[in-house]
Amino acid sequence: MHAVGEAEKRTSGEIRVYVEGHCSFVNALDRAAEVFHTLKMDATSQRNAVLVYVAMKDRQLALYADEGIYQKEGNVFWNDAVKKILSHFNKEDYAKGIAGVVHEIGESLANHFPFDASTNKNELPDDIVFGK
């Protein structure tokens, strides 16, 4: 996804987008946590990965951030990001909603985990992962 690559240009942080039809859990955040660990996003060196999880048919979403970035931003940032993406989803503008939240997360990551050419490497793929 172009938005992920652009967002990661200024940070050592990692962002992944996971889209599936149905959420197999009652709580989308629980499903996002499972996907986060399945994709080995908890293995980044600075614990600064963020998953954008979307279950399209069930109309559920969650943002799941590893401890390094979650602690730096706190609940208000993550809750506001979810509200912003939902405002786009409510208008059925899914691509703009996902791209917007990826950009916002990228800005946060760049502030807390700036890019360093001497040490930075892309630890996770930038492509969208499609589930069931």
N, C-alpha and C. Protein backbone atom coordinates (compact mmCIF):
# COMPACT_ATOMS: atom_id res chain seq x y z
N MET A 1 0.85 -1.18 0.00
CA MET A 1 0.00 0.00 0.00
C MET A 1 0.88 1.23 0.00
N HIS A 2 0.60 2.13 -0.89
CA HIS A 2 1.38 3.35 -1.04
C HIS A 2 1.44 4.16 0.24
N ALA A 3 0.32 4.27 0.95
CA ALA A 3 0.26 5.07 2.17
C ALA A 3 1.22 4.53 3.24
N VAL A 4 1.33 3.23 3.34
CA VAL A 4 2.23 2.64 4.35
C VAL A 4 3.68 2.99 4.01
N GLY A 5 4.08 2.80 2.77
CA GLY A 5 5.45 3.12 2.36
C GLY A 5 5.78 4.58 2.60
N GLU A 6 4.85 5.47 2.27
CA GLU A 6 5.06 6.90 2.49
C GLU A 6 5.17 7.21 3.98
N ALA A 7 4.30 6.63 4.79
CA ALA A 7 4.30 6.90 6.22
C ALA A 7 5.58 6.42 6.88
N GLU A 8 6.15 5.33 6.37
CA GLU A 8 7.34 4.75 6.99
C GLU A 8 8.64 5.40 6.53
N LYS A 9 8.60 6.30 5.57
CA LYS A 9 9.82 6.94 5.07
C LYS A 9 10.52 7.78 6.13
N ARG A 10 9.78 8.28 7.12
CA ARG A 10 10.35 9.19 8.10
C ARG A 10 10.49 8.56 9.49
N THR A 11 10.33 7.23 9.58
CA THR A 11 10.34 6.59 10.89
C THR A 11 10.95 5.20 10.83
N SER A 12 11.40 4.75 11.97
CA SER A 12 11.83 3.35 12.08
C SER A 12 10.64 2.47 12.46
N GLY A 13 9.50 3.08 12.72
CA GLY A 13 8.29 2.34 13.07
C GLY A 13 7.73 1.58 11.90
N GLU A 14 6.83 0.65 12.21
CA GLU A 14 6.22 -0.21 11.19
C GLU A 14 4.71 -0.15 11.28
N ILE A 15 4.06 -0.13 10.12
CA ILE A 15 2.61 -0.11 10.04
C ILE A 15 2.18 -1.22 9.10
N ARG A 16 1.16 -1.96 9.49
CA ARG A 16 0.56 -2.96 8.60
C ARG A 16 -0.95 -2.78 8.61
N VAL A 17 -1.56 -3.11 7.49
CA VAL A 17 -3.01 -3.06 7.36
C VAL A 17 -3.49 -4.47 7.09
N TYR A 18 -4.47 -4.92 7.86
CA TYR A 18 -5.04 -6.25 7.72
C TYR A 18 -6.54 -6.11 7.50
N VAL A 19 -7.03 -6.63 6.37
CA VAL A 19 -8.44 -6.52 6.01
C VAL A 19 -9.01 -7.92 5.82
N GLU A 20 -10.16 -8.16 6.45
CA GLU A 20 -10.87 -9.42 6.23
C GLU A 20 -12.36 -9.12 6.20
N GLY A 21 -13.13 -10.10 5.80
CA GLY A 21 -14.57 -9.90 5.71
C GLY A 21 -15.25 -9.90 7.06
N HIS A 22 -15.00 -10.95 7.82
CA HIS A 22 -15.67 -11.12 9.11
C HIS A 22 -14.66 -11.21 10.23
N CYS A 23 -15.02 -10.63 11.36
CA CYS A 23 -14.21 -10.72 12.58
C CYS A 23 -14.65 -11.98 13.31
N SER A 24 -13.72 -12.88 13.53
CA SER A 24 -14.08 -14.14 14.17
C SER A 24 -14.18 -14.02 15.70
N PHE A 25 -13.95 -12.83 16.24
CA PHE A 25 -14.05 -12.57 17.67
C PHE A 25 -15.18 -11.58 17.90
N VAL A 26 -15.71 -11.55 19.09
CA VAL A 26 -16.74 -10.57 19.44
C VAL A 26 -16.12 -9.17 19.45
N ASN A 27 -14.94 -9.06 19.98
CA ASN A 27 -14.25 -7.78 20.11
C ASN A 27 -13.17 -7.66 19.04
N ALA A 28 -13.25 -6.64 18.20
CA ALA A 28 -12.27 -6.46 17.12
C ALA A 28 -10.86 -6.24 17.67
N LEU A 29 -10.73 -5.63 18.83
CA LEU A 29 -9.41 -5.42 19.40
C LEU A 29 -8.75 -6.75 19.77
N ASP A 30 -9.52 -7.71 20.24
CA ASP A 30 -8.97 -9.04 20.53
C ASP A 30 -8.49 -9.70 19.25
N ARG A 31 -9.27 -9.57 18.18
CA ARG A 31 -8.86 -10.15 16.89
C ARG A 31 -7.62 -9.44 16.37
N ALA A 32 -7.56 -8.12 16.52
CA ALA A 32 -6.39 -7.37 16.08
C ALA A 32 -5.14 -7.83 16.83
N ALA A 33 -5.27 -8.09 18.13
CA ALA A 33 -4.14 -8.58 18.92
C ALA A 33 -3.66 -9.92 18.39
N GLU A 34 -4.61 -10.80 18.07
CA GLU A 34 -4.24 -12.11 17.52
C GLU A 34 -3.50 -11.96 16.19
N VAL A 35 -4.02 -11.14 15.31
CA VAL A 35 -3.39 -10.91 14.00
C VAL A 35 -2.01 -10.28 14.19
N PHE A 36 -1.91 -9.32 15.08
CA PHE A 36 -0.64 -8.64 15.37
C PHE A 36 0.45 -9.66 15.72
N HIS A 37 0.11 -10.58 16.59
CA HIS A 37 1.09 -11.58 17.02
C HIS A 37 1.34 -12.63 15.92
N THR A 38 0.30 -13.00 15.17
CA THR A 38 0.46 -13.96 14.07
C THR A 38 1.40 -13.41 13.01
N LEU A 39 1.29 -12.11 12.74
CA LEU A 39 2.16 -11.46 11.74
C LEU A 39 3.54 -11.12 12.30
N LYS A 40 3.78 -11.50 13.55
CA LYS A 40 5.06 -11.27 14.23
C LYS A 40 5.42 -9.78 14.31
N MET A 41 4.39 -8.96 14.47
CA MET A 41 4.61 -7.53 14.57
C MET A 41 5.19 -7.15 15.93
N ASP A 42 5.14 -8.06 16.89
CA ASP A 42 5.70 -7.81 18.21
C ASP A 42 7.21 -8.07 18.24
N ALA A 43 7.79 -8.38 17.09
CA ALA A 43 9.22 -8.70 17.03
C ALA A 43 10.07 -7.54 16.52
N THR A 44 9.50 -6.34 16.38
CA THR A 44 10.30 -5.20 15.93
C THR A 44 11.27 -4.80 17.04
N SER A 45 12.42 -4.31 16.67
CA SER A 45 13.47 -4.03 17.64
C SER A 45 13.07 -2.97 18.67
N GLN A 46 12.27 -1.99 18.27
CA GLN A 46 11.89 -0.93 19.21
C GLN A 46 10.45 -1.04 19.69
N ARG A 47 9.80 -2.16 19.36
CA ARG A 47 8.40 -2.39 19.77
C ARG A 47 7.52 -1.22 19.32
N ASN A 48 7.68 -0.84 18.05
CA ASN A 48 6.99 0.33 17.53
C ASN A 48 6.16 0.03 16.28
N ALA A 49 5.51 -1.11 16.28
CA ALA A 49 4.66 -1.50 15.16
C ALA A 49 3.20 -1.23 15.50
N VAL A 50 2.42 -0.91 14.46
CA VAL A 50 0.99 -0.63 14.62
C VAL A 50 0.23 -1.39 13.54
N LEU A 51 -0.83 -2.07 13.96
CA LEU A 51 -1.71 -2.77 13.04
C LEU A 51 -3.03 -2.02 12.91
N VAL A 52 -3.44 -1.80 11.65
CA VAL A 52 -4.77 -1.26 11.36
C VAL A 52 -5.59 -2.47 10.93
N TYR A 53 -6.54 -2.86 11.75
CA TYR A 53 -7.36 -4.05 11.49
C TYR A 53 -8.76 -3.62 11.07
N VAL A 54 -9.25 -4.21 9.95
CA VAL A 54 -10.58 -3.89 9.45
C VAL A 54 -11.30 -5.18 9.05
N ALA A 55 -12.51 -5.37 9.58
CA ALA A 55 -13.40 -6.46 9.15
C ALA A 55 -14.54 -5.79 8.38
N MET A 56 -14.47 -5.83 7.07
CA MET A 56 -15.38 -5.05 6.22
C MET A 56 -16.85 -5.43 6.38
N LYS A 57 -17.20 -6.69 6.24
CA LYS A 57 -18.60 -7.10 6.26
C LYS A 57 -19.22 -6.93 7.64
N ASP A 58 -18.41 -7.10 8.69
CA ASP A 58 -18.89 -6.92 10.05
C ASP A 58 -18.83 -5.46 10.51
N ARG A 59 -18.21 -4.63 9.68
CA ARG A 59 -18.08 -3.20 9.98
C ARG A 59 -17.41 -2.97 11.34
N GLN A 60 -16.27 -3.65 11.52
CA GLN A 60 -15.50 -3.52 12.75
C GLN A 60 -14.08 -3.10 12.39
N LEU A 61 -13.45 -2.37 13.30
CA LEU A 61 -12.05 -2.01 13.10
C LEU A 61 -11.39 -1.84 14.45
N ALA A 62 -10.08 -1.90 14.42
CA ALA A 62 -9.29 -1.68 15.63
C ALA A 62 -7.89 -1.26 15.24
N LEU A 63 -7.27 -0.49 16.09
CA LEU A 63 -5.86 -0.17 15.95
C LEU A 63 -5.15 -0.87 17.10
N TYR A 64 -4.10 -1.60 16.78
CA TYR A 64 -3.36 -2.32 17.82
C TYR A 64 -1.90 -1.88 17.72
N ALA A 65 -1.42 -1.26 18.77
CA ALA A 65 -0.06 -0.72 18.78
C ALA A 65 0.79 -1.46 19.80
N ASP A 66 2.03 -1.73 19.42
CA ASP A 66 2.96 -2.36 20.35
C ASP A 66 3.30 -1.38 21.47
N GLU A 67 3.85 -1.90 22.54
CA GLU A 67 4.05 -1.11 23.76
C GLU A 67 4.92 0.12 23.57
N GLY A 68 5.92 0.06 22.67
CA GLY A 68 6.82 1.19 22.48
C GLY A 68 6.09 2.45 22.02
N ILE A 69 5.22 2.33 21.05
CA ILE A 69 4.49 3.50 20.54
C ILE A 69 3.21 3.73 21.34
N TYR A 70 2.56 2.69 21.79
CA TYR A 70 1.32 2.87 22.55
C TYR A 70 1.56 3.74 23.79
N GLN A 71 2.61 3.46 24.52
CA GLN A 71 2.89 4.20 25.75
C GLN A 71 3.24 5.66 25.47
N LYS A 72 3.83 5.92 24.32
CA LYS A 72 4.21 7.30 24.00
C LYS A 72 3.01 8.16 23.65
N GLU A 73 1.96 7.56 23.13
CA GLU A 73 0.78 8.33 22.71
C GLU A 73 -0.38 8.25 23.69
N GLY A 74 -0.63 7.13 24.28
CA GLY A 74 -1.72 6.99 25.23
C GLY A 74 -3.08 6.82 24.57
N ASN A 75 -4.08 6.57 25.39
CA ASN A 75 -5.43 6.24 24.91
C ASN A 75 -6.08 7.31 24.05
N VAL A 76 -5.90 8.58 24.39
CA VAL A 76 -6.59 9.65 23.66
C VAL A 76 -6.21 9.63 22.18
N PHE A 77 -4.94 9.52 21.87
CA PHE A 77 -4.49 9.50 20.48
C PHE A 77 -5.14 8.35 19.71
N TRP A 78 -5.12 7.15 20.29
CA TRP A 78 -5.65 5.97 19.59
C TRP A 78 -7.16 6.06 19.44
N ASN A 79 -7.85 6.52 20.47
CA ASN A 79 -9.31 6.67 20.38
C ASN A 79 -9.69 7.72 19.33
N ASP A 80 -8.95 8.83 19.27
CA ASP A 80 -9.22 9.86 18.26
C ASP A 80 -8.97 9.33 16.86
N ALA A 81 -7.91 8.54 16.70
CA ALA A 81 -7.61 7.96 15.38
C ALA A 81 -8.74 7.05 14.92
N VAL A 82 -9.29 6.26 15.83
CA VAL A 82 -10.41 5.38 15.49
C VAL A 82 -11.62 6.22 15.09
N LYS A 83 -11.90 7.30 15.82
CA LYS A 83 -13.03 8.17 15.47
C LYS A 83 -12.87 8.75 14.07
N LYS A 84 -11.65 9.15 13.73
CA LYS A 84 -11.41 9.74 12.40
C LYS A 84 -11.62 8.72 11.30
N ILE A 85 -11.10 7.52 11.48
CA ILE A 85 -11.28 6.50 10.44
C ILE A 85 -12.76 6.14 10.32
N LEU A 86 -13.47 6.08 11.45
CA LEU A 86 -14.90 5.78 11.42
C LEU A 86 -15.69 6.85 10.67
N SER A 87 -15.28 8.10 10.78
CA SER A 87 -16.00 9.16 10.07
C SER A 87 -15.92 8.94 8.56
N HIS A 88 -14.80 8.45 8.07
CA HIS A 88 -14.67 8.12 6.64
C HIS A 88 -15.46 6.86 6.30
N PHE A 89 -15.38 5.86 7.17
CA PHE A 89 -16.09 4.61 6.92
C PHE A 89 -17.60 4.84 6.88
N ASN A 90 -18.09 5.73 7.72
CA ASN A 90 -19.52 6.02 7.73
C ASN A 90 -19.99 6.65 6.42
N LYS A 91 -19.07 7.26 5.69
CA LYS A 91 -19.37 7.82 4.37
C LYS A 91 -19.02 6.83 3.26
N GLU A 92 -18.68 5.60 3.65
CA GLU A 92 -18.25 4.53 2.74
C GLU A 92 -17.02 4.92 1.92
N ASP A 93 -16.16 5.72 2.52
CA ASP A 93 -14.90 6.11 1.90
C ASP A 93 -13.77 5.37 2.63
N TYR A 94 -13.73 4.07 2.40
CA TYR A 94 -12.82 3.19 3.15
C TYR A 94 -11.36 3.47 2.85
N ALA A 95 -11.02 3.63 1.58
CA ALA A 95 -9.62 3.84 1.20
C ALA A 95 -9.09 5.13 1.83
N LYS A 96 -9.88 6.18 1.78
CA LYS A 96 -9.44 7.46 2.36
C LYS A 96 -9.31 7.34 3.88
N GLY A 97 -10.20 6.61 4.50
CA GLY A 97 -10.13 6.41 5.95
C GLY A 97 -8.87 5.66 6.36
N ILE A 98 -8.59 4.58 5.65
CA ILE A 98 -7.39 3.80 5.97
C ILE A 98 -6.13 4.60 5.69
N ALA A 99 -6.06 5.25 4.52
CA ALA A 99 -4.89 6.04 4.18
C ALA A 99 -4.68 7.17 5.18
N GLY A 100 -5.77 7.81 5.61
CA GLY A 100 -5.66 8.90 6.57
C GLY A 100 -5.11 8.45 7.91
N VAL A 101 -5.60 7.33 8.41
CA VAL A 101 -5.12 6.85 9.71
C VAL A 101 -3.68 6.35 9.59
N VAL A 102 -3.33 5.76 8.48
CA VAL A 102 -1.94 5.34 8.27
C VAL A 102 -1.02 6.56 8.28
N HIS A 103 -1.44 7.63 7.63
CA HIS A 103 -0.64 8.87 7.62
C HIS A 103 -0.49 9.42 9.04
N GLU A 104 -1.59 9.46 9.78
CA GLU A 104 -1.56 9.99 11.14
C GLU A 104 -0.65 9.14 12.05
N ILE A 105 -0.75 7.84 11.93
CA ILE A 105 0.12 6.95 12.71
C ILE A 105 1.58 7.16 12.30
N GLY A 106 1.81 7.32 11.00
CA GLY A 106 3.16 7.58 10.51
C GLY A 106 3.76 8.85 11.10
N GLU A 107 2.94 9.90 11.22
CA GLU A 107 3.41 11.15 11.83
C GLU A 107 3.80 10.93 13.29
N SER A 108 2.98 10.19 14.00
CA SER A 108 3.28 9.91 15.40
C SER A 108 4.57 9.10 15.53
N LEU A 109 4.69 8.09 14.69
CA LEU A 109 5.90 7.27 14.73
C LEU A 109 7.14 8.10 14.39
N ALA A 110 7.02 8.99 13.41
CA ALA A 110 8.16 9.84 13.03
C ALA A 110 8.57 10.76 14.18
N ASN A 111 7.60 11.24 14.95
CA ASN A 111 7.93 12.10 16.10
C ASN A 111 8.66 11.34 17.19
N HIS A 112 8.26 10.11 17.43
CA HIS A 112 8.83 9.35 18.54
C HIS A 112 9.96 8.41 18.12
N PHE A 113 9.93 7.97 16.87
CA PHE A 113 10.94 7.03 16.36
C PHE A 113 11.41 7.51 14.98
N PRO A 114 12.18 8.60 14.95
CA PRO A 114 12.58 9.16 13.65
C PRO A 114 13.46 8.20 12.85
N PHE A 115 13.42 8.38 11.54
CA PHE A 115 14.23 7.59 10.62
C PHE A 115 15.70 7.89 10.85
N ASP A 116 16.52 6.86 10.87
CA ASP A 116 17.97 6.99 10.97
C ASP A 116 18.57 6.11 9.88
N ALA A 117 19.11 6.72 8.85
CA ALA A 117 19.61 5.98 7.68
C ALA A 117 20.68 4.96 8.05
N SER A 118 21.42 5.22 9.11
CA SER A 118 22.50 4.30 9.46
C SER A 118 22.01 3.03 10.15
N THR A 119 20.83 3.09 10.75
CA THR A 119 20.35 1.92 11.49
C THR A 119 19.00 1.39 11.02
N ASN A 120 18.25 2.19 10.28
CA ASN A 120 16.89 1.79 9.92
C ASN A 120 16.85 0.71 8.86
N LYS A 121 15.97 -0.25 9.07
CA LYS A 121 15.67 -1.25 8.05
C LYS A 121 14.18 -1.53 8.13
N ASN A 122 13.60 -1.86 7.01
CA ASN A 122 12.17 -2.16 6.98
C ASN A 122 12.00 -3.57 7.54
N GLU A 123 11.49 -3.65 8.77
CA GLU A 123 11.39 -4.94 9.46
C GLU A 123 10.18 -5.76 9.05
N LEU A 124 9.15 -5.11 8.49
CA LEU A 124 7.92 -5.80 8.11
C LEU A 124 7.49 -5.37 6.72
N PRO A 125 6.84 -6.25 5.97
CA PRO A 125 6.35 -5.87 4.63
C PRO A 125 5.32 -4.74 4.72
N ASP A 126 5.22 -3.96 3.63
CA ASP A 126 4.30 -2.82 3.59
C ASP A 126 2.96 -3.15 2.92
N ASP A 127 2.83 -4.35 2.39
CA ASP A 127 1.62 -4.69 1.66
C ASP A 127 0.42 -4.91 2.60
N ILE A 128 -0.77 -4.71 2.06
CA ILE A 128 -2.00 -5.01 2.80
C ILE A 128 -2.14 -6.52 2.89
N VAL A 129 -2.51 -7.01 4.05
CA VAL A 129 -2.74 -8.43 4.24
C VAL A 129 -4.25 -8.66 4.21
N PHE A 130 -4.68 -9.59 3.36
CA PHE A 130 -6.10 -9.89 3.26
C PHE A 130 -6.37 -11.24 3.92
N GLY A 131 -7.27 -11.22 4.89
CA GLY A 131 -7.68 -12.46 5.56
C GLY A 131 -8.89 -13.05 4.86
N LYS A 132 -9.66 -13.84 5.60
CA LYS A 132 -10.82 -14.52 5.04
C LYS A 132 -11.96 -13.56 4.75
